[in-house]
Each structure stands twice: as C-alpha cells, then as structure tokens.
Amino acid sequence: MKSKFGILGQHISYSMSPVIHPKIGKFIDKDISYDLNDIDENQIGKYIDLLRQNAYQGYNVTKPYKEAVLDYIDVMSQDAHAVQAINTIYCRDSMIYGDNTDIYGFRYLLEYYQIDVENKRVLILGTGGAAKAVAFVLKEKKAIYSYASRDDQKKLDQKVVKYDDVNPSDYDIYIQATPIGTTPNINDSILREDQVTNQIVVDLIYRPKITKIMSYANKSYNGFMMLLAQAVRSEMLWLNEDLEVHDIIDHLKEVISYE
C-alpha cells in the first residue's frame, strides 16, 4: 500500500525532504511518495482536511508555520507542548496529532559530531520554532544558553540580545537557527565576520553545505545530520513502528548527494 506524505512551508524549493523520504521508504521496503507543498498560511486548513480524508498520511512542517499549525492540532506530544512548535503532523482515529522531531534531530546532531555543550556558553541565533527545539536540548544537556534576535524584548526563557550587540567573547558556541544564508541567498549571514572568532558554529541550514557564517568559523557543522534524523523520526511516527535509525541514516548518507 502506498503512503503519501508531504511538507508544508513557504519558499521551500531548496528542501531535500522530497528526496529523503522516498529513499527511506525504499530502504525499509515501503512504497512512499512525498510532496513539496509551498503554501500560504490560509491554506493550512485545507491540508489538514486532506489529512483527515486520508489523502495524505502525514506532513512535515517547516518555516514559517511551525507555530501557526498549533491551532489545528488536537493532540500534542510532550515535546511539542514543551516548545510550542510542531514540525510533524499525522491523523489517527480522526484526531490530528502534532509532534516535534527537531528535538530528536538536534540531539542526534550533537551526539553524532560529539559536540559537548555542558557548561558551554551557547548563543542561539533566532527565536522561531527551530530555536525553541534547540533550546530544549541545550537545557537538557546543561548548556548555558541565550538568544539573539532582531527584537531584544521578546519574552523567552533566557536572555535575548540584538544581533548587532553580540560580543563574541561572551560565547563558546553559536547555533544558527534562522533561514538566513540558505539557498538561494547564500551570501547572507546573520552575524558579521568580526563577530565569529573562536566559536564553534552549528548552522541548522543544510543547503548550501557551507553557509557564509560557517565560512567565518574555524570549526563548523551544518544541519544535514539533523535533517536526516528528524526525517527518520517522522517516519516512525507516521508509520507507527520502530525503525533502525542509525542503519537508515548510514544508508541515506551513501545514497544522497547534494551541493
């Protein structure tokens, strides 16, 4: 039986999810298709209806709708409730479920690259849905974290500074959790070069492989491993079965190439 999934977002032609999910399906012997749905916010309700009608069996949600979809969810997972952001949706018994697999994906990225954040001074660049997932993991791993934003008056769980006021001597690690610098705007950076000195930079962007802010750093990592891990976790939720995450990710690294 064929399973149809998709992604909901805006200006997301760069997304690799339509490539990744069918390859996961092939590896686990499932017939999977996956659509890229580049939509306006007023179309979200229509796609929720399609989910209830079983025209789709699940969605990923990306920028800028990870918070907007909260209004359409009947049952939230503990992770989604904790961060108030959703990137995975599915329907069971006519109920719409929302989860956050970005948390799983970011945790996997840190462990894969052996990035130790305990007691490190970490600045999260951005305050959207992805940033909230990052903060959840950093808190879990006992990092000392704060945020940078255009608006330093945002009410969040930790201190917020404006991007222009970021002093590099105050931080050990930057986590870049905004869309700034992704394809096609590859020459954009959320911070200036002089603000990126001796920090480790983790950019959740995966296309291009090396973003402008990563090029400023001595050591940097992109978000590809997070993308793969959260994708496998989404499949586990949609299919309602356990999967061998490490085996699938090892396979995906071999069969997916990108620039």
C-alpha atoms as a PDB file:
ATOM      1  CA  MET A   1       0.000   0.000   0.000  1.00  0.00           C
ATOM      2  CA  LYS A   2       1.345   3.405  -0.996  1.00  0.00           C
ATOM      3  CA  SER A   3       1.814   6.048   1.704  1.00  0.00           C
ATOM      4  CA  LYS A   4       1.660   9.711   0.737  1.00  0.00           C
ATOM      5  CA  PHE A   5       3.409  12.335   2.842  1.00  0.00           C
ATOM      6  CA  GLY A   6       4.433  15.941   2.267  1.00  0.00           C
ATOM      7  CA  ILE A   7       5.956  19.092   3.645  1.00  0.00           C
ATOM      8  CA  LEU A   8       4.119  22.344   4.365  1.00  0.00           C
ATOM      9  CA  GLY A   9       6.061  25.598   4.217  1.00  0.00           C
ATOM     10  CA  GLN A  10       6.718  28.744   2.221  1.00  0.00           C
ATOM     11  CA  HIS A  11       9.610  29.469  -0.169  1.00  0.00           C
ATOM     12  CA  ILE A  12      10.988  25.971   0.373  1.00  0.00           C
ATOM     13  CA  SER A  13      12.094  24.917  -3.118  1.00  0.00           C
ATOM     14  CA  TYR A  14      15.507  24.058  -1.625  1.00  0.00           C
ATOM     15  CA  SER A  15      14.019  21.346   0.617  1.00  0.00           C
ATOM     16  CA  MET A  16      15.595  17.900   0.375  1.00  0.00           C
ATOM     17  CA  SER A  17      12.714  16.147   2.142  1.00  0.00           C
ATOM     18  CA  PRO A  18      11.072  15.044  -1.153  1.00  0.00           C
ATOM     19  CA  VAL A  19      14.341  13.223  -1.932  1.00  0.00           C
ATOM     20  CA  ILE A  20      14.978  11.796   1.532  1.00  0.00           C
ATOM     21  CA  HIS A  21      11.627  10.219   2.387  1.00  0.00           C
ATOM     22  CA  PRO A  22      11.174   8.024  -0.707  1.00  0.00           C
ATOM     23  CA  LYS A  23      14.735   6.760  -0.130  1.00  0.00           C
ATOM     24  CA  ILE A  24      13.817   5.893   3.454  1.00  0.00           C
ATOM     25  CA  GLY A  25      10.798   4.058   2.057  1.00  0.00           C
ATOM     26  CA  LYS A  26      12.899   2.066  -0.382  1.00  0.00           C
ATOM     27  CA  PHE A  27      15.320   1.060   2.371  1.00  0.00           C
ATOM     28  CA  ILE A  28      12.533  -0.166   4.682  1.00  0.00           C
ATOM     29  CA  ASP A  29      10.557  -1.726   1.798  1.00  0.00           C
ATOM     30  CA  LYS A  30       7.665   0.740   1.894  1.00  0.00           C
ATOM     31  CA  ASP A  31       6.072   2.497  -1.094  1.00  0.00           C
ATOM     32  CA  ILE A  32       6.352   6.162  -0.117  1.00  0.00           C
ATOM     33  CA  SER A  33       5.702   9.357  -2.058  1.00  0.00           C
ATOM     34  CA  TYR A  34       6.380  12.826  -0.711  1.00  0.00           C
ATOM     35  CA  ASP A  35       5.129  16.188  -1.996  1.00  0.00           C
ATOM     36  CA  LEU A  36       6.597  19.647  -1.584  1.00  0.00           C
ATOM     37  CA  ASN A  37       3.649  21.923  -0.730  1.00  0.00           C
ATOM     38  CA  ASP A  38       4.725  25.560  -0.906  1.00  0.00           C
ATOM     39  CA  ILE A  39       1.634  27.245   0.524  1.00  0.00           C
ATOM     40  CA  ASP A  40       0.235  30.429   2.036  1.00  0.00           C
ATOM     41  CA  GLU A  41      -0.808  30.339   5.683  1.00  0.00           C
ATOM     42  CA  ASN A  42      -4.507  30.480   4.769  1.00  0.00           C
ATOM     43  CA  GLN A  43      -4.119  27.108   3.013  1.00  0.00           C
ATOM     44  CA  ILE A  44      -3.049  25.191   6.123  1.00  0.00           C
ATOM     45  CA  GLY A  45      -6.665  24.308   6.982  1.00  0.00           C
ATOM     46  CA  LYS A  46      -7.173  22.796   3.538  1.00  0.00           C
ATOM     47  CA  TYR A  47      -4.196  20.490   4.023  1.00  0.00           C
ATOM     48  CA  ILE A  48      -5.398  19.476   7.481  1.00  0.00           C
ATOM     49  CA  ASP A  49      -8.694  18.482   5.847  1.00  0.00           C
ATOM     50  CA  LEU A  50      -6.785  16.385   3.298  1.00  0.00           C
ATOM     51  CA  LEU A  51      -5.066  14.638   6.198  1.00  0.00           C
ATOM     52  CA  ARG A  52      -8.390  13.833   7.834  1.00  0.00           C
ATOM     53  CA  GLN A  53      -9.629  12.492   4.481  1.00  0.00           C
ATOM     54  CA  ASN A  54      -6.556  10.220   4.262  1.00  0.00           C
ATOM     55  CA  ALA A  55      -5.404  11.902   1.052  1.00  0.00           C
ATOM     56  CA  TYR A  56      -2.132  12.333   2.953  1.00  0.00           C
ATOM     57  CA  GLN A  57      -0.878  10.178   5.820  1.00  0.00           C
ATOM     58  CA  GLY A  58       1.391  12.787   7.368  1.00  0.00           C
ATOM     59  CA  TYR A  59       3.181  16.095   6.973  1.00  0.00           C
ATOM     60  CA  ASN A  60       6.389  17.747   7.962  1.00  0.00           C
ATOM     61  CA  VAL A  61       6.026  21.442   8.720  1.00  0.00           C
ATOM     62  CA  THR A  62       8.804  23.942   8.116  1.00  0.00           C
ATOM     63  CA  LYS A  63       9.289  27.700   8.086  1.00  0.00           C
ATOM     64  CA  PRO A  64       7.301  29.772   8.740  1.00  0.00           C
ATOM     65  CA  TYR A  65       4.459  27.554  10.030  1.00  0.00           C
ATOM     66  CA  LYS A  66       5.872  25.543  12.947  1.00  0.00           C
ATOM     67  CA  GLU A  67       3.952  27.715  15.373  1.00  0.00           C
ATOM     68  CA  ALA A  68       0.992  28.603  13.130  1.00  0.00           C
ATOM     69  CA  VAL A  69      -0.083  24.938  12.903  1.00  0.00           C
ATOM     70  CA  LEU A  70      -0.625  24.747  16.665  1.00  0.00           C
ATOM     71  CA  ASP A  71      -4.195  25.979  16.127  1.00  0.00           C
ATOM     72  CA  TYR A  72      -5.036  22.890  14.063  1.00  0.00           C
ATOM     73  CA  ILE A  73      -3.756  20.218  16.457  1.00  0.00           C
ATOM     74  CA  ASP A  74      -5.995  18.043  18.644  1.00  0.00           C
ATOM     75  CA  VAL A  75      -3.247  16.157  20.495  1.00  0.00           C
ATOM     76  CA  MET A  76       0.280  17.433  21.104  1.00  0.00           C
ATOM     77  CA  SER A  77       3.230  15.311  22.165  1.00  0.00           C
ATOM     78  CA  GLN A  78       5.124  16.258  25.321  1.00  0.00           C
ATOM     79  CA  ASP A  79       7.993  17.607  23.214  1.00  0.00           C
ATOM     80  CA  ALA A  80       5.710  19.732  21.030  1.00  0.00           C
ATOM     81  CA  HIS A  81       3.883  21.032  24.071  1.00  0.00           C
ATOM     82  CA  ALA A  82       7.144  21.919  25.804  1.00  0.00           C
ATOM     83  CA  VAL A  83       8.451  24.033  22.920  1.00  0.00           C
ATOM     84  CA  GLN A  84       5.105  25.150  21.442  1.00  0.00           C
ATOM     85  CA  ALA A  85       6.325  24.324  17.950  1.00  0.00           C
ATOM     86  CA  ILE A  86       5.388  21.465  15.624  1.00  0.00           C
ATOM     87  CA  ASN A  87       7.160  20.017  12.622  1.00  0.00           C
ATOM     88  CA  THR A  88       5.395  16.640  12.239  1.00  0.00           C
ATOM     89  CA  ILE A  89       1.657  16.035  11.863  1.00  0.00           C
ATOM     90  CA  TYR A  90      -0.430  12.911  11.374  1.00  0.00           C
ATOM     91  CA  CYS A  91      -4.013  11.728  11.836  1.00  0.00           C
ATOM     92  CA  ARG A  92      -5.200   8.815  13.940  1.00  0.00           C
ATOM     93  CA  ASP A  93      -8.838   7.994  14.773  1.00  0.00           C
ATOM     94  CA  SER A  94      -9.894  11.333  13.225  1.00  0.00           C
ATOM     95  CA  MET A  95      -7.613  13.212  15.632  1.00  0.00           C
ATOM     96  CA  ILE A  96      -4.777  15.430  14.395  1.00  0.00           C
ATOM     97  CA  TYR A  97      -1.527  14.760  16.261  1.00  0.00           C
ATOM     98  CA  GLY A  98       1.402  17.169  16.398  1.00  0.00           C
ATOM     99  CA  ASP A  99       4.970  16.344  17.367  1.00  0.00           C
ATOM    100  CA  ASN A 100       8.395  17.938  17.226  1.00  0.00           C
ATOM    101  CA  THR A 101      11.108  15.753  15.716  1.00  0.00           C
ATOM    102  CA  ASP A 102      13.531  18.700  15.505  1.00  0.00           C
ATOM    103  CA  ILE A 103      14.329  17.962  19.147  1.00  0.00           C
ATOM    104  CA  TYR A 104      15.295  14.400  18.252  1.00  0.00           C
ATOM    105  CA  GLY A 105      17.231  15.631  15.206  1.00  0.00           C
ATOM    106  CA  PHE A 106      19.254  18.263  17.038  1.00  0.00           C
ATOM    107  CA  ARG A 107      20.076  15.859  19.850  1.00  0.00           C
ATOM    108  CA  TYR A 108      21.281  13.359  17.223  1.00  0.00           C
ATOM    109  CA  LEU A 109      23.445  16.026  15.534  1.00  0.00           C
ATOM    110  CA  LEU A 110      25.217  16.913  18.782  1.00  0.00           C
ATOM    111  CA  GLU A 111      25.853  13.264  19.573  1.00  0.00           C
ATOM    112  CA  TYR A 112      26.962  12.404  16.020  1.00  0.00           C
ATOM    113  CA  TYR A 113      29.595  15.170  15.957  1.00  0.00           C
ATOM    114  CA  GLN A 114      30.412  14.736  19.658  1.00  0.00           C
ATOM    115  CA  ILE A 115      29.735  18.394  20.407  1.00  0.00           C
ATOM    116  CA  ASP A 116      29.836  18.807  24.181  1.00  0.00           C
ATOM    117  CA  VAL A 117      27.617  21.703  25.261  1.00  0.00           C
ATOM    118  CA  GLU A 118      27.596  21.081  29.014  1.00  0.00           C
ATOM    119  CA  ASN A 119      28.514  24.320  30.830  1.00  0.00           C
ATOM    120  CA  LYS A 120      29.377  25.920  27.473  1.00  0.00           C
ATOM    121  CA  ARG A 121      28.124  29.445  26.708  1.00  0.00           C
ATOM    122  CA  VAL A 122      25.820  28.936  23.750  1.00  0.00           C
ATOM    123  CA  LEU A 123      24.063  31.642  21.729  1.00  0.00           C
ATOM    124  CA  ILE A 124      21.027  30.566  19.717  1.00  0.00           C
ATOM    125  CA  LEU A 125      20.662  32.771  16.640  1.00  0.00           C
ATOM    126  CA  GLY A 126      16.901  33.098  16.150  1.00  0.00           C
ATOM    127  CA  THR A 127      13.797  32.658  18.262  1.00  0.00           C
ATOM    128  CA  GLY A 128      11.451  30.666  15.995  1.00  0.00           C
ATOM    129  CA  GLY A 129      10.309  27.057  16.104  1.00  0.00           C
ATOM    130  CA  ALA A 130      13.719  25.548  15.357  1.00  0.00           C
ATOM    131  CA  ALA A 131      15.346  27.750  18.003  1.00  0.00           C
ATOM    132  CA  LYS A 132      12.869  26.506  20.597  1.00  0.00           C
ATOM    133  CA  ALA A 133      13.764  22.895  19.813  1.00  0.00           C
ATOM    134  CA  VAL A 134      17.460  23.749  20.130  1.00  0.00           C
ATOM    135  CA  ALA A 135      16.869  25.413  23.498  1.00  0.00           C
ATOM    136  CA  PHE A 136      15.016  22.342  24.758  1.00  0.00           C
ATOM    137  CA  VAL A 137      18.033  20.124  24.035  1.00  0.00           C
ATOM    138  CA  LEU A 138      20.565  22.640  25.365  1.00  0.00           C
ATOM    139  CA  LYS A 139      18.681  22.867  28.646  1.00  0.00           C
ATOM    140  CA  GLU A 140      18.567  19.078  28.817  1.00  0.00           C
ATOM    141  CA  LYS A 141      22.340  18.934  28.285  1.00  0.00           C
ATOM    142  CA  LYS A 142      23.069  21.651  30.858  1.00  0.00           C
ATOM    143  CA  ALA A 143      24.370  24.328  28.488  1.00  0.00           C
ATOM    144  CA  ILE A 144      24.386  27.993  29.464  1.00  0.00           C
ATOM    145  CA  TYR A 145      22.321  29.415  26.633  1.00  0.00           C
ATOM    146  CA  SER A 146      20.738  32.655  25.490  1.00  0.00           C
ATOM    147  CA  TYR A 147      19.216  34.023  22.281  1.00  0.00           C
ATOM    148  CA  ALA A 148      19.976  36.619  19.623  1.00  0.00           C
ATOM    149  CA  SER A 149      17.112  38.267  17.768  1.00  0.00           C
ATOM    150  CA  ARG A 150      16.136  41.418  15.912  1.00  0.00           C
ATOM    151  CA  ASP A 151      13.868  42.096  18.890  1.00  0.00           C
ATOM    152  CA  ASP A 152      15.609  42.002  22.270  1.00  0.00           C
ATOM    153  CA  GLN A 153      12.294  42.500  24.079  1.00  0.00           C
ATOM    154  CA  LYS A 154      10.978  39.025  23.225  1.00  0.00           C
ATOM    155  CA  LYS A 155       9.741  37.124  26.251  1.00  0.00           C
ATOM    156  CA  LEU A 156      11.674  33.855  26.297  1.00  0.00           C
ATOM    157  CA  ASP A 157      13.131  31.586  28.946  1.00  0.00           C
ATOM    158  CA  GLN A 158      16.591  33.180  28.740  1.00  0.00           C
ATOM    159  CA  LYS A 159      18.255  36.481  27.892  1.00  0.00           C
ATOM    160  CA  VAL A 160      17.808  37.934  24.385  1.00  0.00           C
ATOM    161  CA  VAL A 161      20.328  40.247  22.694  1.00  0.00           C
ATOM    162  CA  LYS A 162      20.163  42.015  19.356  1.00  0.00           C
ATOM    163  CA  TYR A 163      22.391  40.665  16.576  1.00  0.00           C
ATOM    164  CA  ASP A 164      24.397  43.889  16.333  1.00  0.00           C
ATOM    165  CA  ASP A 165      25.132  43.697  20.059  1.00  0.00           C
ATOM    166  CA  VAL A 166      26.573  40.165  20.008  1.00  0.00           C
ATOM    167  CA  ASN A 167      30.002  40.210  21.644  1.00  0.00           C
ATOM    168  CA  PRO A 168      31.949  37.127  20.512  1.00  0.00           C
ATOM    169  CA  SER A 169      33.991  36.980  23.734  1.00  0.00           C
ATOM    170  CA  ASP A 170      30.772  36.089  25.582  1.00  0.00           C
ATOM    171  CA  TYR A 171      30.142  32.790  23.747  1.00  0.00           C
ATOM    172  CA  ASP A 172      31.738  29.427  23.000  1.00  0.00           C
ATOM    173  CA  ILE A 173      29.185  28.103  20.502  1.00  0.00           C
ATOM    174  CA  TYR A 174      26.718  29.657  18.058  1.00  0.00           C
ATOM    175  CA  ILE A 175      23.664  27.701  16.920  1.00  0.00           C
ATOM    176  CA  GLN A 176      22.283  29.323  13.753  1.00  0.00           C
ATOM    177  CA  ALA A 177      18.524  28.616  13.724  1.00  0.00           C
ATOM    178  CA  THR A 178      17.214  31.111  11.159  1.00  0.00           C
ATOM    179  CA  PRO A 179      16.740  30.732   7.362  1.00  0.00           C
ATOM    180  CA  ILE A 180      19.390  33.427   6.765  1.00  0.00           C
ATOM    181  CA  GLY A 181      22.061  32.122   4.394  1.00  0.00           C
ATOM    182  CA  THR A 182      20.144  29.288   2.823  1.00  0.00           C
ATOM    183  CA  THR A 183      19.818  28.777  -0.938  1.00  0.00           C
ATOM    184  CA  PRO A 184      19.429  30.987  -2.957  1.00  0.00           C
ATOM    185  CA  ASN A 185      20.669  33.761  -0.604  1.00  0.00           C
ATOM    186  CA  ILE A 186      23.960  32.056   0.093  1.00  0.00           C
ATOM    187  CA  ASN A 187      25.957  35.263   0.646  1.00  0.00           C
ATOM    188  CA  ASP A 188      23.849  36.364   3.616  1.00  0.00           C
ATOM    189  CA  SER A 189      24.957  35.895   7.229  1.00  0.00           C
ATOM    190  CA  ILE A 190      23.055  36.640  10.416  1.00  0.00           C
ATOM    191  CA  LEU A 191      26.315  37.805  12.081  1.00  0.00           C
ATOM    192  CA  ARG A 192      29.268  39.792  10.770  1.00  0.00           C
ATOM    193  CA  GLU A 193      32.600  38.085  10.216  1.00  0.00           C
ATOM    194  CA  ASP A 194      34.199  40.002  13.115  1.00  0.00           C
ATOM    195  CA  GLN A 195      31.553  38.514  15.453  1.00  0.00           C
ATOM    196  CA  VAL A 196      32.611  34.958  14.591  1.00  0.00           C
ATOM    197  CA  THR A 197      36.060  34.441  16.029  1.00  0.00           C
ATOM    198  CA  ASN A 198      36.836  31.307  18.014  1.00  0.00           C
ATOM    199  CA  GLN A 199      33.305  29.918  18.329  1.00  0.00           C
ATOM    200  CA  ILE A 200      32.075  26.574  17.083  1.00  0.00           C
ATOM    201  CA  VAL A 201      29.245  27.295  14.627  1.00  0.00           C
ATOM    202  CA  VAL A 202      26.390  24.843  14.174  1.00  0.00           C
ATOM    203  CA  ASP A 203      24.155  26.028  11.336  1.00  0.00           C
ATOM    204  CA  LEU A 204      20.864  24.152  11.047  1.00  0.00           C
ATOM    205  CA  ILE A 205      20.838  25.040   7.346  1.00  0.00           C
ATOM    206  CA  TYR A 206      21.984  22.170   5.137  1.00  0.00           C
ATOM    207  CA  ARG A 207      21.881  23.800   1.705  1.00  0.00           C
ATOM    208  CA  PRO A 208      24.472  25.083   0.939  1.00  0.00           C
ATOM    209  CA  LYS A 209      26.763  22.674   2.767  1.00  0.00           C
ATOM    210  CA  ILE A 210      28.904  25.567   3.953  1.00  0.00           C
ATOM    211  CA  THR A 211      26.969  28.750   4.705  1.00  0.00           C
ATOM    212  CA  LYS A 212      28.545  32.191   4.926  1.00  0.00           C
ATOM    213  CA  ILE A 213      28.568  32.176   8.738  1.00  0.00           C
ATOM    214  CA  MET A 214      30.147  28.700   8.692  1.00  0.00           C
ATOM    215  CA  SER A 215      32.889  30.011   6.407  1.00  0.00           C
ATOM    216  CA  TYR A 216      33.789  32.580   9.083  1.00  0.00           C
ATOM    217  CA  ALA A 217      34.346  29.911  11.743  1.00  0.00           C
ATOM    218  CA  ASN A 218      37.382  27.755  12.490  1.00  0.00           C
ATOM    219  CA  LYS A 219      35.110  24.781  13.185  1.00  0.00           C
ATOM    220  CA  SER A 220      31.573  24.412  11.900  1.00  0.00           C
ATOM    221  CA  TYR A 221      28.830  21.870  11.203  1.00  0.00           C
ATOM    222  CA  ASN A 222      25.739  22.096   9.025  1.00  0.00           C
ATOM    223  CA  GLY A 223      22.266  20.723   9.692  1.00  0.00           C
ATOM    224  CA  PHE A 224      22.290  17.723   7.360  1.00  0.00           C
ATOM    225  CA  MET A 225      22.525  15.133  10.131  1.00  0.00           C
ATOM    226  CA  MET A 226      19.688  16.837  11.984  1.00  0.00           C
ATOM    227  CA  LEU A 227      17.608  16.768   8.797  1.00  0.00           C
ATOM    228  CA  LEU A 228      18.161  13.036   8.310  1.00  0.00           C
ATOM    229  CA  ALA A 229      17.491  12.136  11.944  1.00  0.00           C
ATOM    230  CA  GLN A 230      14.293  14.153  12.217  1.00  0.00           C
ATOM    231  CA  ALA A 231      13.106  12.655   8.914  1.00  0.00           C
ATOM    232  CA  VAL A 232      13.543   9.093  10.183  1.00  0.00           C
ATOM    233  CA  ARG A 233      11.814  10.000  13.431  1.00  0.00           C
ATOM    234  CA  SER A 234       8.896  11.462  11.436  1.00  0.00           C
ATOM    235  CA  GLU A 235       8.571   8.215   9.500  1.00  0.00           C
ATOM    236  CA  MET A 236       8.412   6.284  12.771  1.00  0.00           C
ATOM    237  CA  LEU A 237       5.504   8.445  13.900  1.00  0.00           C
ATOM    238  CA  TRP A 238       3.648   8.311  10.577  1.00  0.00           C
ATOM    239  CA  LEU A 239       4.063   4.559  10.163  1.00  0.00           C
ATOM    240  CA  ASN A 240       3.611   3.884  13.873  1.00  0.00           C
ATOM    241  CA  GLU A 241       6.554   1.498  14.020  1.00  0.00           C
ATOM    242  CA  ASP A 242      10.132   1.391  15.273  1.00  0.00           C
ATOM    243  CA  LEU A 243      12.909   1.805  12.730  1.00  0.00           C
ATOM    244  CA  GLU A 244      16.652   1.236  12.915  1.00  0.00           C
ATOM    245  CA  VAL A 245      17.634   4.888  12.925  1.00  0.00           C
ATOM    246  CA  HIS A 246      21.421   4.504  12.664  1.00  0.00           C
ATOM    247  CA  ASP A 247      21.199   1.962   9.834  1.00  0.00           C
ATOM    248  CA  ILE A 248      18.827   4.174   7.844  1.00  0.00           C
ATOM    249  CA  ILE A 249      20.968   7.278   8.334  1.00  0.00           C
ATOM    250  CA  ASP A 250      24.119   5.411   7.293  1.00  0.00           C
ATOM    251  CA  HIS A 251      22.274   4.350   4.128  1.00  0.00           C
ATOM    252  CA  LEU A 252      20.987   7.878   3.413  1.00  0.00           C
ATOM    253  CA  LYS A 253      24.495   9.316   3.713  1.00  0.00           C
ATOM    254  CA  GLU A 254      25.589   6.919   0.972  1.00  0.00           C
ATOM    255  CA  VAL A 255      22.714   7.450  -1.484  1.00  0.00           C
ATOM    256  CA  ILE A 256      22.085  11.204  -1.134  1.00  0.00           C
ATOM    257  CA  SER A 257      24.428  13.762  -2.624  1.00  0.00           C
ATOM    258  CA  TYR A 258      23.824  17.480  -2.703  1.00  0.00           C
ATOM    259  CA  GLU A 259      25.505  20.840  -3.142  1.00  0.00           C
END
